[in-house]
Amino acid sequence: MKPASITFLIVLLLSSCASFSDKMIKDAKATLVENDLSKLEGTYELFPDLKYDEKRKAEPIDSEDSKANHSLNYFVSSKQVKYDSKSKYSVEVKIINKNTIKFITKNETAKIDSIELGGKLKNGLFYLDNKFLKRNGVPYLAGGYTNYKTRIGLAKDNGLLVNYAYDNSGAILFLFWAGSAYNLGYHYNRIK
């Protein structure tokens, strides 16, 4: 293979991949190791109380719509369920084993949803196996990719951190590039 072809393939593979930004949650996270993965176990509010920006600042979330649109289940479940942010919901996180976490959503005391996800602890955060990759058309000839993934971790204040990476990019004949990519960082209060 020619060097130009190899370079082209590397650029193609790297450009269609959502990537996490450590900068966003760096100051807020408590680094986890395999022995203390159980520290993630607990009950958390379903709706976030803080959003992290690219400058590592935590901003309170005041908008009820923003809270409802970024519920913890939005990032861990493939079901797109809308929850009323004025109701009392919680999510219990249970560690099944070092590669599996269970999320149980409750309204008051009634269980309303449950999802078990695989994943892997890496760089102090748990990378969930709920990645999504969809091809649209013929990528980079007349189409592209949509890709997103989630990782969770423990905040220094014992809350739950969620970092979400999204990428939607493509091109026409490798010439006209378009798309968007972003990272989101949220904090969820621990109830118990």
N, C-alpha and C. Protein backbone atom coordinates (compact mmCIF):
# COMPACT_ATOMS: atom_id res chain seq x y z
N MET A 1 0.84 -1.17 0.00
CA MET A 1 0.00 0.00 0.00
C MET A 1 0.88 1.24 0.00
N LYS A 2 0.48 2.24 -0.74
CA LYS A 2 1.24 3.48 -0.82
C LYS A 2 1.07 4.28 0.47
N PRO A 3 2.08 5.07 0.85
CA PRO A 3 1.98 5.89 2.06
C PRO A 3 0.77 6.84 2.04
N ALA A 4 0.44 7.37 0.87
CA ALA A 4 -0.71 8.28 0.78
C ALA A 4 -2.01 7.54 1.09
N SER A 5 -2.12 6.29 0.65
CA SER A 5 -3.32 5.49 0.92
C SER A 5 -3.44 5.17 2.40
N ILE A 6 -2.31 4.85 3.03
CA ILE A 6 -2.32 4.56 4.46
C ILE A 6 -2.73 5.79 5.25
N THR A 7 -2.17 6.94 4.91
CA THR A 7 -2.52 8.20 5.58
C THR A 7 -4.00 8.50 5.41
N PHE A 8 -4.51 8.29 4.20
CA PHE A 8 -5.92 8.53 3.93
C PHE A 8 -6.80 7.64 4.80
N LEU A 9 -6.47 6.35 4.91
CA LEU A 9 -7.26 5.44 5.73
C LEU A 9 -7.22 5.82 7.21
N ILE A 10 -6.06 6.24 7.68
CA ILE A 10 -5.96 6.66 9.08
C ILE A 10 -6.83 7.89 9.34
N VAL A 11 -6.77 8.88 8.46
CA VAL A 11 -7.61 10.08 8.60
C VAL A 11 -9.08 9.71 8.55
N LEU A 12 -9.44 8.83 7.65
CA LEU A 12 -10.84 8.40 7.52
C LEU A 12 -11.33 7.73 8.80
N LEU A 13 -10.53 6.84 9.34
CA LEU A 13 -10.93 6.13 10.56
C LEU A 13 -11.01 7.05 11.76
N LEU A 14 -10.07 7.97 11.89
CA LEU A 14 -10.07 8.87 13.05
C LEU A 14 -11.15 9.94 12.96
N SER A 15 -11.51 10.34 11.77
CA SER A 15 -12.47 11.43 11.64
C SER A 15 -13.91 10.98 11.88
N SER A 16 -14.17 9.70 11.93
CA SER A 16 -15.54 9.24 12.13
C SER A 16 -15.74 8.67 13.53
N CYS A 17 -15.00 9.19 14.48
CA CYS A 17 -15.04 8.62 15.81
C CYS A 17 -15.23 9.71 16.86
N ALA A 18 -16.28 9.58 17.63
CA ALA A 18 -16.49 10.52 18.74
C ALA A 18 -15.39 10.28 19.76
N SER A 19 -14.83 11.35 20.29
CA SER A 19 -13.78 11.18 21.29
C SER A 19 -14.10 12.03 22.52
N PHE A 20 -13.71 11.51 23.67
CA PHE A 20 -13.96 12.18 24.94
C PHE A 20 -12.96 13.30 25.18
N SER A 21 -13.41 14.31 25.89
CA SER A 21 -12.54 15.40 26.33
C SER A 21 -12.36 15.27 27.84
N ASP A 22 -11.13 15.00 28.26
CA ASP A 22 -10.84 14.89 29.69
C ASP A 22 -10.86 16.26 30.36
N LYS A 23 -10.62 17.29 29.59
CA LYS A 23 -10.52 18.63 30.15
C LYS A 23 -11.78 19.06 30.89
N MET A 24 -12.93 18.70 30.37
CA MET A 24 -14.21 19.15 30.89
C MET A 24 -14.45 18.75 32.35
N ILE A 25 -14.18 17.49 32.69
CA ILE A 25 -14.50 16.98 34.03
C ILE A 25 -13.26 16.71 34.88
N LYS A 26 -12.12 17.08 34.38
CA LYS A 26 -10.85 16.76 35.04
C LYS A 26 -10.79 17.19 36.50
N ASP A 27 -11.19 18.40 36.80
CA ASP A 27 -11.11 18.92 38.17
C ASP A 27 -12.16 18.32 39.10
N ALA A 28 -13.24 17.80 38.54
CA ALA A 28 -14.35 17.30 39.37
C ALA A 28 -14.27 15.81 39.67
N LYS A 29 -13.51 15.06 38.88
CA LYS A 29 -13.55 13.61 39.03
C LYS A 29 -12.60 13.08 40.09
N ALA A 30 -13.06 12.01 40.74
CA ALA A 30 -12.22 11.21 41.64
C ALA A 30 -11.83 9.98 40.83
N THR A 31 -10.54 9.74 40.68
CA THR A 31 -10.08 8.63 39.86
C THR A 31 -10.37 7.30 40.53
N LEU A 32 -11.03 6.42 39.78
CA LEU A 32 -11.38 5.09 40.27
C LEU A 32 -10.36 4.06 39.79
N VAL A 33 -10.09 3.09 40.63
CA VAL A 33 -9.32 1.91 40.24
C VAL A 33 -10.23 0.70 40.43
N GLU A 34 -9.83 -0.42 39.88
CA GLU A 34 -10.69 -1.60 39.90
C GLU A 34 -11.15 -1.99 41.31
N ASN A 35 -10.28 -1.85 42.29
CA ASN A 35 -10.63 -2.24 43.65
C ASN A 35 -11.71 -1.36 44.28
N ASP A 36 -11.85 -0.11 43.81
CA ASP A 36 -12.87 0.75 44.41
C ASP A 36 -14.00 1.13 43.44
N LEU A 37 -14.23 0.28 42.44
CA LEU A 37 -15.34 0.48 41.52
C LEU A 37 -16.67 0.48 42.26
N SER A 38 -16.73 -0.23 43.38
CA SER A 38 -17.97 -0.30 44.17
C SER A 38 -18.37 1.08 44.73
N LYS A 39 -17.45 2.04 44.72
CA LYS A 39 -17.80 3.39 45.19
C LYS A 39 -18.86 4.05 44.31
N LEU A 40 -19.02 3.55 43.08
CA LEU A 40 -20.07 4.07 42.19
C LEU A 40 -21.46 3.63 42.64
N GLU A 41 -21.53 2.53 43.39
CA GLU A 41 -22.83 2.04 43.84
C GLU A 41 -23.51 3.07 44.72
N GLY A 42 -24.79 3.25 44.49
CA GLY A 42 -25.56 4.20 45.28
C GLY A 42 -26.80 4.62 44.54
N THR A 43 -27.53 5.54 45.12
CA THR A 43 -28.75 6.07 44.51
C THR A 43 -28.52 7.53 44.19
N TYR A 44 -28.83 7.91 42.97
CA TYR A 44 -28.58 9.26 42.48
C TYR A 44 -29.88 9.87 41.96
N GLU A 45 -29.92 11.18 41.92
CA GLU A 45 -31.06 11.86 41.29
C GLU A 45 -31.03 11.57 39.80
N LEU A 46 -32.20 11.45 39.20
CA LEU A 46 -32.29 11.18 37.76
C LEU A 46 -31.87 12.38 36.93
N PHE A 47 -32.07 13.57 37.47
CA PHE A 47 -31.80 14.79 36.71
C PHE A 47 -30.52 15.47 37.21
N PRO A 48 -29.74 16.02 36.30
CA PRO A 48 -28.47 16.64 36.69
C PRO A 48 -28.68 17.96 37.43
N ASP A 49 -27.73 18.29 38.28
CA ASP A 49 -27.77 19.59 38.96
C ASP A 49 -26.70 20.53 38.43
N LEU A 50 -25.64 19.97 37.81
CA LEU A 50 -24.55 20.79 37.28
C LEU A 50 -24.18 20.35 35.87
N LYS A 51 -23.73 21.32 35.08
CA LYS A 51 -23.20 21.05 33.75
C LYS A 51 -21.79 21.63 33.71
N TYR A 52 -20.86 20.86 33.14
CA TYR A 52 -19.48 21.32 33.02
C TYR A 52 -19.25 21.88 31.63
N ASP A 53 -18.52 23.00 31.56
CA ASP A 53 -18.20 23.57 30.25
C ASP A 53 -16.76 23.24 29.89
N GLU A 54 -16.33 23.66 28.73
CA GLU A 54 -14.98 23.36 28.23
C GLU A 54 -13.88 23.99 29.08
N LYS A 55 -14.23 24.96 29.89
CA LYS A 55 -13.24 25.62 30.75
C LYS A 55 -13.24 25.03 32.16
N ARG A 56 -13.86 23.84 32.33
CA ARG A 56 -13.91 23.11 33.59
C ARG A 56 -14.78 23.77 34.65
N LYS A 57 -15.60 24.73 34.27
CA LYS A 57 -16.48 25.38 35.23
C LYS A 57 -17.78 24.60 35.35
N ALA A 58 -18.21 24.41 36.58
CA ALA A 58 -19.49 23.76 36.84
C ALA A 58 -20.56 24.84 36.96
N GLU A 59 -21.57 24.73 36.13
CA GLU A 59 -22.66 25.71 36.13
C GLU A 59 -23.94 25.03 36.58
N PRO A 60 -24.68 25.65 37.50
CA PRO A 60 -25.96 25.06 37.93
C PRO A 60 -26.95 25.02 36.77
N ILE A 61 -27.78 23.99 36.76
CA ILE A 61 -28.80 23.87 35.72
C ILE A 61 -30.11 24.36 36.31
N ASP A 62 -30.62 25.44 35.77
CA ASP A 62 -31.85 26.04 36.28
C ASP A 62 -33.07 25.63 35.46
N SER A 63 -32.87 25.40 34.18
CA SER A 63 -33.98 25.11 33.27
C SER A 63 -34.52 23.70 33.49
N GLU A 64 -35.82 23.60 33.71
CA GLU A 64 -36.46 22.30 33.88
C GLU A 64 -36.36 21.48 32.60
N ASP A 65 -36.43 22.14 31.43
CA ASP A 65 -36.31 21.44 30.15
C ASP A 65 -34.93 20.82 30.00
N SER A 66 -33.90 21.56 30.36
CA SER A 66 -32.54 21.04 30.26
C SER A 66 -32.34 19.85 31.18
N LYS A 67 -32.90 19.92 32.38
CA LYS A 67 -32.81 18.80 33.31
C LYS A 67 -33.49 17.57 32.72
N ALA A 68 -34.70 17.74 32.22
CA ALA A 68 -35.48 16.62 31.68
C ALA A 68 -34.81 16.04 30.44
N ASN A 69 -34.23 16.88 29.60
CA ASN A 69 -33.59 16.41 28.37
C ASN A 69 -32.28 15.69 28.62
N HIS A 70 -31.67 15.89 29.78
CA HIS A 70 -30.38 15.27 30.08
C HIS A 70 -30.45 14.40 31.33
N SER A 71 -31.55 13.67 31.44
CA SER A 71 -31.68 12.73 32.55
C SER A 71 -30.57 11.68 32.43
N LEU A 72 -30.24 11.06 33.52
CA LEU A 72 -29.21 10.02 33.50
C LEU A 72 -29.57 8.91 32.52
N ASN A 73 -30.85 8.58 32.43
CA ASN A 73 -31.28 7.53 31.51
C ASN A 73 -31.07 7.90 30.05
N TYR A 74 -31.06 9.17 29.73
CA TYR A 74 -30.79 9.60 28.36
C TYR A 74 -29.43 9.11 27.91
N PHE A 75 -28.46 9.06 28.82
CA PHE A 75 -27.10 8.68 28.48
C PHE A 75 -26.82 7.19 28.60
N VAL A 76 -27.65 6.45 29.34
CA VAL A 76 -27.37 5.02 29.54
C VAL A 76 -28.36 4.10 28.84
N SER A 77 -29.55 4.56 28.53
CA SER A 77 -30.57 3.71 27.95
C SER A 77 -30.81 4.04 26.49
N SER A 78 -31.15 3.03 25.71
CA SER A 78 -31.47 3.28 24.31
C SER A 78 -32.91 3.73 24.14
N LYS A 79 -33.73 3.56 25.20
CA LYS A 79 -35.12 4.02 25.16
C LYS A 79 -35.14 5.54 25.36
N GLN A 80 -35.85 6.22 24.53
CA GLN A 80 -35.96 7.68 24.65
C GLN A 80 -37.25 8.04 25.38
N VAL A 81 -37.21 7.90 26.70
CA VAL A 81 -38.36 8.18 27.55
C VAL A 81 -38.21 9.58 28.13
N LYS A 82 -39.28 10.35 28.11
CA LYS A 82 -39.27 11.69 28.74
C LYS A 82 -39.80 11.57 30.16
N TYR A 83 -39.09 12.20 31.08
CA TYR A 83 -39.50 12.19 32.48
C TYR A 83 -39.86 13.61 32.90
N ASP A 84 -40.84 13.73 33.75
CA ASP A 84 -41.25 15.02 34.30
C ASP A 84 -40.23 15.43 35.36
N SER A 85 -39.50 16.51 35.12
CA SER A 85 -38.42 16.92 36.03
C SER A 85 -38.94 17.43 37.37
N LYS A 86 -40.26 17.63 37.47
CA LYS A 86 -40.82 18.08 38.75
C LYS A 86 -41.18 16.91 39.66
N SER A 87 -41.15 15.70 39.12
CA SER A 87 -41.44 14.50 39.92
C SER A 87 -40.16 13.98 40.56
N LYS A 88 -40.33 13.15 41.57
CA LYS A 88 -39.20 12.57 42.30
C LYS A 88 -38.80 11.24 41.68
N TYR A 89 -37.70 11.26 40.95
CA TYR A 89 -37.14 10.05 40.36
C TYR A 89 -35.74 9.85 40.92
N SER A 90 -35.32 8.60 40.92
CA SER A 90 -33.95 8.30 41.32
C SER A 90 -33.44 7.14 40.47
N VAL A 91 -32.12 7.00 40.43
CA VAL A 91 -31.49 5.89 39.72
C VAL A 91 -30.54 5.21 40.68
N GLU A 92 -30.77 3.93 40.89
CA GLU A 92 -29.88 3.14 41.72
C GLU A 92 -28.84 2.50 40.81
N VAL A 93 -27.58 2.68 41.15
CA VAL A 93 -26.47 2.09 40.39
C VAL A 93 -25.92 0.93 41.19
N LYS A 94 -25.90 -0.25 40.54
CA LYS A 94 -25.39 -1.46 41.19
C LYS A 94 -24.26 -2.03 40.35
N ILE A 95 -23.17 -2.40 41.01
CA ILE A 95 -22.07 -3.04 40.32
C ILE A 95 -22.34 -4.55 40.35
N ILE A 96 -22.52 -5.15 39.20
CA ILE A 96 -22.76 -6.59 39.10
C ILE A 96 -21.42 -7.33 39.17
N ASN A 97 -20.47 -6.89 38.39
CA ASN A 97 -19.10 -7.39 38.44
C ASN A 97 -18.20 -6.29 37.84
N LYS A 98 -16.92 -6.54 37.69
CA LYS A 98 -16.00 -5.48 37.25
C LYS A 98 -16.28 -4.99 35.84
N ASN A 99 -17.12 -5.71 35.08
CA ASN A 99 -17.43 -5.31 33.71
C ASN A 99 -18.91 -5.08 33.46
N THR A 100 -19.73 -5.04 34.51
CA THR A 100 -21.17 -4.88 34.32
C THR A 100 -21.77 -4.00 35.42
N ILE A 101 -22.57 -3.03 34.98
CA ILE A 101 -23.28 -2.13 35.89
C ILE A 101 -24.77 -2.17 35.57
N LYS A 102 -25.59 -2.11 36.61
CA LYS A 102 -27.04 -2.09 36.43
C LYS A 102 -27.57 -0.75 36.91
N PHE A 103 -28.47 -0.16 36.12
CA PHE A 103 -29.12 1.11 36.43
C PHE A 103 -30.61 0.83 36.62
N ILE A 104 -31.14 1.12 37.82
CA ILE A 104 -32.55 0.87 38.14
C ILE A 104 -33.22 2.20 38.41
N THR A 105 -34.16 2.59 37.58
CA THR A 105 -34.87 3.85 37.72
C THR A 105 -36.14 3.63 38.54
N LYS A 106 -36.35 4.53 39.51
CA LYS A 106 -37.51 4.43 40.39
C LYS A 106 -38.23 5.77 40.46
N ASN A 107 -39.55 5.69 40.62
CA ASN A 107 -40.37 6.85 40.90
C ASN A 107 -40.90 6.64 42.31
N GLU A 108 -40.44 7.48 43.25
CA GLU A 108 -40.69 7.25 44.68
C GLU A 108 -40.06 5.91 45.04
N THR A 109 -40.85 4.84 45.18
CA THR A 109 -40.28 3.52 45.51
C THR A 109 -40.56 2.47 44.45
N ALA A 110 -41.37 2.79 43.44
CA ALA A 110 -41.71 1.82 42.41
C ALA A 110 -40.65 1.80 41.31
N LYS A 111 -40.20 0.61 40.95
CA LYS A 111 -39.24 0.45 39.87
C LYS A 111 -39.95 0.65 38.55
N ILE A 112 -39.41 1.54 37.69
CA ILE A 112 -40.06 1.78 36.41
C ILE A 112 -39.19 1.40 35.21
N ASP A 113 -37.89 1.21 35.43
CA ASP A 113 -37.00 0.84 34.33
C ASP A 113 -35.73 0.23 34.90
N SER A 114 -35.12 -0.64 34.12
CA SER A 114 -33.86 -1.25 34.53
C SER A 114 -33.05 -1.59 33.29
N ILE A 115 -31.77 -1.30 33.35
CA ILE A 115 -30.88 -1.65 32.23
C ILE A 115 -29.54 -2.10 32.80
N GLU A 116 -29.01 -3.14 32.20
CA GLU A 116 -27.71 -3.67 32.60
C GLU A 116 -26.76 -3.44 31.42
N LEU A 117 -25.63 -2.81 31.70
CA LEU A 117 -24.66 -2.50 30.65
C LEU A 117 -23.29 -3.04 30.99
N GLY A 118 -22.62 -3.51 29.98
CA GLY A 118 -21.23 -3.91 30.13
C GLY A 118 -20.35 -2.68 29.98
N GLY A 119 -19.10 -2.87 30.26
CA GLY A 119 -18.16 -1.78 30.09
C GLY A 119 -16.80 -2.12 30.64
N LYS A 120 -15.96 -1.09 30.72
CA LYS A 120 -14.59 -1.31 31.16
C LYS A 120 -14.09 -0.08 31.88
N LEU A 121 -13.40 -0.30 32.98
CA LEU A 121 -12.78 0.78 33.73
C LEU A 121 -11.47 1.15 33.05
N LYS A 122 -11.36 2.45 32.72
CA LYS A 122 -10.16 2.93 32.02
C LYS A 122 -9.94 4.39 32.39
N ASN A 123 -8.73 4.74 32.72
CA ASN A 123 -8.37 6.12 33.07
C ASN A 123 -9.23 6.69 34.19
N GLY A 124 -9.61 5.85 35.13
CA GLY A 124 -10.37 6.31 36.29
C GLY A 124 -11.86 6.48 36.06
N LEU A 125 -12.36 6.13 34.86
CA LEU A 125 -13.77 6.23 34.53
C LEU A 125 -14.25 4.91 33.94
N PHE A 126 -15.56 4.65 34.04
CA PHE A 126 -16.14 3.43 33.51
C PHE A 126 -16.76 3.73 32.15
N TYR A 127 -16.19 3.14 31.10
CA TYR A 127 -16.65 3.33 29.73
C TYR A 127 -17.78 2.33 29.46
N LEU A 128 -18.98 2.83 29.20
CA LEU A 128 -20.14 1.98 28.99
C LEU A 128 -20.14 1.40 27.57
N ASP A 129 -20.61 0.17 27.46
CA ASP A 129 -20.74 -0.48 26.15
C ASP A 129 -22.07 -0.13 25.50
N ASN A 130 -22.42 1.13 25.48
CA ASN A 130 -23.64 1.54 24.80
C ASN A 130 -23.31 2.49 23.65
N LYS A 131 -22.18 2.22 23.02
CA LYS A 131 -21.75 3.04 21.89
C LYS A 131 -22.74 2.89 20.74
N PHE A 132 -22.86 3.93 19.97
CA PHE A 132 -23.75 3.92 18.81
C PHE A 132 -22.96 4.40 17.61
N LEU A 133 -23.03 3.65 16.53
CA LEU A 133 -22.36 4.04 15.29
C LEU A 133 -23.30 3.71 14.14
N LYS A 134 -23.65 4.72 13.37
CA LYS A 134 -24.56 4.52 12.24
C LYS A 134 -23.96 5.18 11.01
N ARG A 135 -23.96 4.43 9.94
CA ARG A 135 -23.47 4.95 8.66
C ARG A 135 -24.63 5.58 7.91
N ASN A 136 -24.39 6.72 7.32
CA ASN A 136 -25.40 7.42 6.52
C ASN A 136 -24.89 7.52 5.09
N GLY A 137 -25.54 6.84 4.16
CA GLY A 137 -25.08 6.85 2.78
C GLY A 137 -23.76 6.12 2.64
N VAL A 138 -22.94 6.57 1.70
CA VAL A 138 -21.60 6.03 1.51
C VAL A 138 -20.65 7.03 2.16
N PRO A 139 -20.13 6.71 3.35
CA PRO A 139 -19.31 7.68 4.08
C PRO A 139 -18.21 8.32 3.25
N TYR A 140 -18.20 9.63 3.29
CA TYR A 140 -17.20 10.50 2.69
C TYR A 140 -17.23 10.55 1.16
N LEU A 141 -18.06 9.73 0.54
CA LEU A 141 -18.31 9.91 -0.89
C LEU A 141 -19.59 10.71 -1.04
N ALA A 142 -20.62 10.28 -0.33
CA ALA A 142 -21.89 11.01 -0.27
C ALA A 142 -22.60 10.59 1.01
N GLY A 143 -22.00 10.92 2.14
CA GLY A 143 -22.58 10.53 3.42
C GLY A 143 -21.56 10.64 4.53
N GLY A 144 -21.87 9.99 5.65
CA GLY A 144 -20.97 10.08 6.79
C GLY A 144 -21.37 9.12 7.90
N TYR A 145 -21.01 9.49 9.13
CA TYR A 145 -21.27 8.68 10.30
C TYR A 145 -21.91 9.51 11.40
N THR A 146 -22.73 8.83 12.21
CA THR A 146 -23.19 9.39 13.48
C THR A 146 -22.69 8.43 14.55
N ASN A 147 -22.02 8.99 15.56
CA ASN A 147 -21.37 8.17 16.56
C ASN A 147 -21.48 8.86 17.91
N TYR A 148 -21.87 8.09 18.95
CA TYR A 148 -21.82 8.64 20.30
C TYR A 148 -21.55 7.55 21.31
N LYS A 149 -21.01 7.97 22.47
CA LYS A 149 -20.66 7.03 23.53
C LYS A 149 -20.65 7.76 24.87
N THR A 150 -20.69 6.96 25.95
CA THR A 150 -20.81 7.51 27.30
C THR A 150 -19.82 6.84 28.25
N ARG A 151 -19.31 7.63 29.18
CA ARG A 151 -18.52 7.10 30.29
C ARG A 151 -19.00 7.77 31.57
N ILE A 152 -18.89 7.04 32.68
CA ILE A 152 -19.34 7.58 33.97
C ILE A 152 -18.20 7.49 34.97
N GLY A 153 -18.32 8.28 36.01
CA GLY A 153 -17.30 8.26 37.06
C GLY A 153 -17.82 8.86 38.34
N LEU A 154 -16.97 8.87 39.33
CA LEU A 154 -17.31 9.40 40.63
C LEU A 154 -16.76 10.81 40.76
N ALA A 155 -17.62 11.72 41.22
CA ALA A 155 -17.18 13.09 41.48
C ALA A 155 -16.50 13.16 42.83
N LYS A 156 -15.68 14.16 43.04
CA LYS A 156 -14.99 14.32 44.32
C LYS A 156 -15.97 14.52 45.48
N ASP A 157 -17.17 15.03 45.18
CA ASP A 157 -18.18 15.21 46.23
C ASP A 157 -19.09 13.99 46.38
N ASN A 158 -18.70 12.87 45.75
CA ASN A 158 -19.41 11.59 45.81
C ASN A 158 -20.63 11.53 44.89
N GLY A 159 -20.81 12.52 44.04
CA GLY A 159 -21.88 12.48 43.04
C GLY A 159 -21.43 11.64 41.86
N LEU A 160 -22.29 11.53 40.86
CA LEU A 160 -22.00 10.76 39.66
C LEU A 160 -21.69 11.72 38.52
N LEU A 161 -20.61 11.45 37.80
CA LEU A 161 -20.25 12.24 36.62
C LEU A 161 -20.62 11.46 35.37
N VAL A 162 -21.12 12.16 34.38
CA VAL A 162 -21.37 11.56 33.07
C VAL A 162 -20.67 12.41 32.03
N ASN A 163 -19.90 11.74 31.17
CA ASN A 163 -19.24 12.41 30.05
C ASN A 163 -19.73 11.73 28.78
N TYR A 164 -20.27 12.52 27.86
CA TYR A 164 -20.91 12.02 26.64
C TYR A 164 -20.21 12.65 25.45
N ALA A 165 -19.80 11.83 24.49
CA ALA A 165 -19.13 12.33 23.28
C ALA A 165 -20.01 12.03 22.07
N TYR A 166 -20.16 13.02 21.19
CA TYR A 166 -21.03 12.90 20.03
C TYR A 166 -20.27 13.40 18.80
N ASP A 167 -20.43 12.70 17.68
CA ASP A 167 -19.82 13.13 16.42
C ASP A 167 -20.75 12.76 15.28
N ASN A 168 -21.05 13.72 14.45
CA ASN A 168 -21.85 13.51 13.25
C ASN A 168 -21.10 14.20 12.13
N SER A 169 -20.39 13.44 11.33
CA SER A 169 -19.57 14.06 10.29
C SER A 169 -19.67 13.28 8.99
N GLY A 170 -19.36 13.96 7.90
CA GLY A 170 -19.40 13.34 6.59
C GLY A 170 -18.85 14.27 5.54
N ALA A 171 -18.95 13.83 4.30
CA ALA A 171 -18.42 14.62 3.19
C ALA A 171 -19.06 14.15 1.89
N ILE A 172 -18.89 14.97 0.89
CA ILE A 172 -19.28 14.61 -0.47
C ILE A 172 -18.00 14.57 -1.28
N LEU A 173 -17.71 13.40 -1.80
CA LEU A 173 -16.50 13.17 -2.61
C LEU A 173 -15.22 13.60 -1.90
N PHE A 174 -15.18 13.46 -0.60
CA PHE A 174 -14.02 13.81 0.23
C PHE A 174 -13.63 15.27 0.13
N LEU A 175 -14.48 16.09 -0.45
CA LEU A 175 -14.14 17.50 -0.66
C LEU A 175 -14.92 18.43 0.25
N PHE A 176 -16.21 18.26 0.32
CA PHE A 176 -17.07 19.16 1.07
C PHE A 176 -17.42 18.50 2.40
N TRP A 177 -16.71 18.87 3.44
CA TRP A 177 -16.87 18.28 4.76
C TRP A 177 -17.91 19.04 5.56
N ALA A 178 -18.65 18.32 6.37
CA ALA A 178 -19.64 18.95 7.23
C ALA A 178 -19.86 18.07 8.46
N GLY A 179 -20.47 18.67 9.46
CA GLY A 179 -20.82 17.89 10.64
C GLY A 179 -20.58 18.66 11.92
N SER A 180 -20.80 17.96 13.01
CA SER A 180 -20.57 18.57 14.32
C SER A 180 -20.09 17.50 15.28
N ALA A 181 -19.33 17.95 16.27
CA ALA A 181 -18.84 17.06 17.32
C ALA A 181 -18.82 17.86 18.61
N TYR A 182 -19.23 17.22 19.70
CA TYR A 182 -19.21 17.91 20.99
C TYR A 182 -19.13 16.90 22.12
N ASN A 183 -18.80 17.41 23.29
CA ASN A 183 -18.76 16.65 24.54
C ASN A 183 -19.70 17.32 25.53
N LEU A 184 -20.36 16.50 26.34
CA LEU A 184 -21.20 17.02 27.41
C LEU A 184 -20.69 16.43 28.72
N GLY A 185 -20.75 17.21 29.77
CA GLY A 185 -20.37 16.73 31.09
C GLY A 185 -21.44 17.15 32.10
N TYR A 186 -21.96 16.18 32.87
CA TYR A 186 -23.01 16.46 33.84
C TYR A 186 -22.69 15.82 35.19
N HIS A 187 -23.26 16.41 36.24
CA HIS A 187 -23.12 15.93 37.61
C HIS A 187 -24.50 15.59 38.14
N TYR A 188 -24.62 14.42 38.81
CA TYR A 188 -25.88 13.98 39.40
C TYR A 188 -25.64 13.78 40.89
N ASN A 189 -26.48 14.41 41.72
CA ASN A 189 -26.34 14.30 43.17
C ASN A 189 -26.59 12.89 43.66
N ARG A 190 -25.80 12.48 44.64
CA ARG A 190 -26.03 11.20 45.32
C ARG A 190 -27.09 11.41 46.39
N ILE A 191 -28.08 10.54 46.41
CA ILE A 191 -29.14 10.59 47.43
C ILE A 191 -28.71 9.75 48.62
N LYS A 192 -28.19 8.56 48.36
CA LYS A 192 -27.66 7.69 49.42
C LYS A 192 -26.69 6.69 48.85
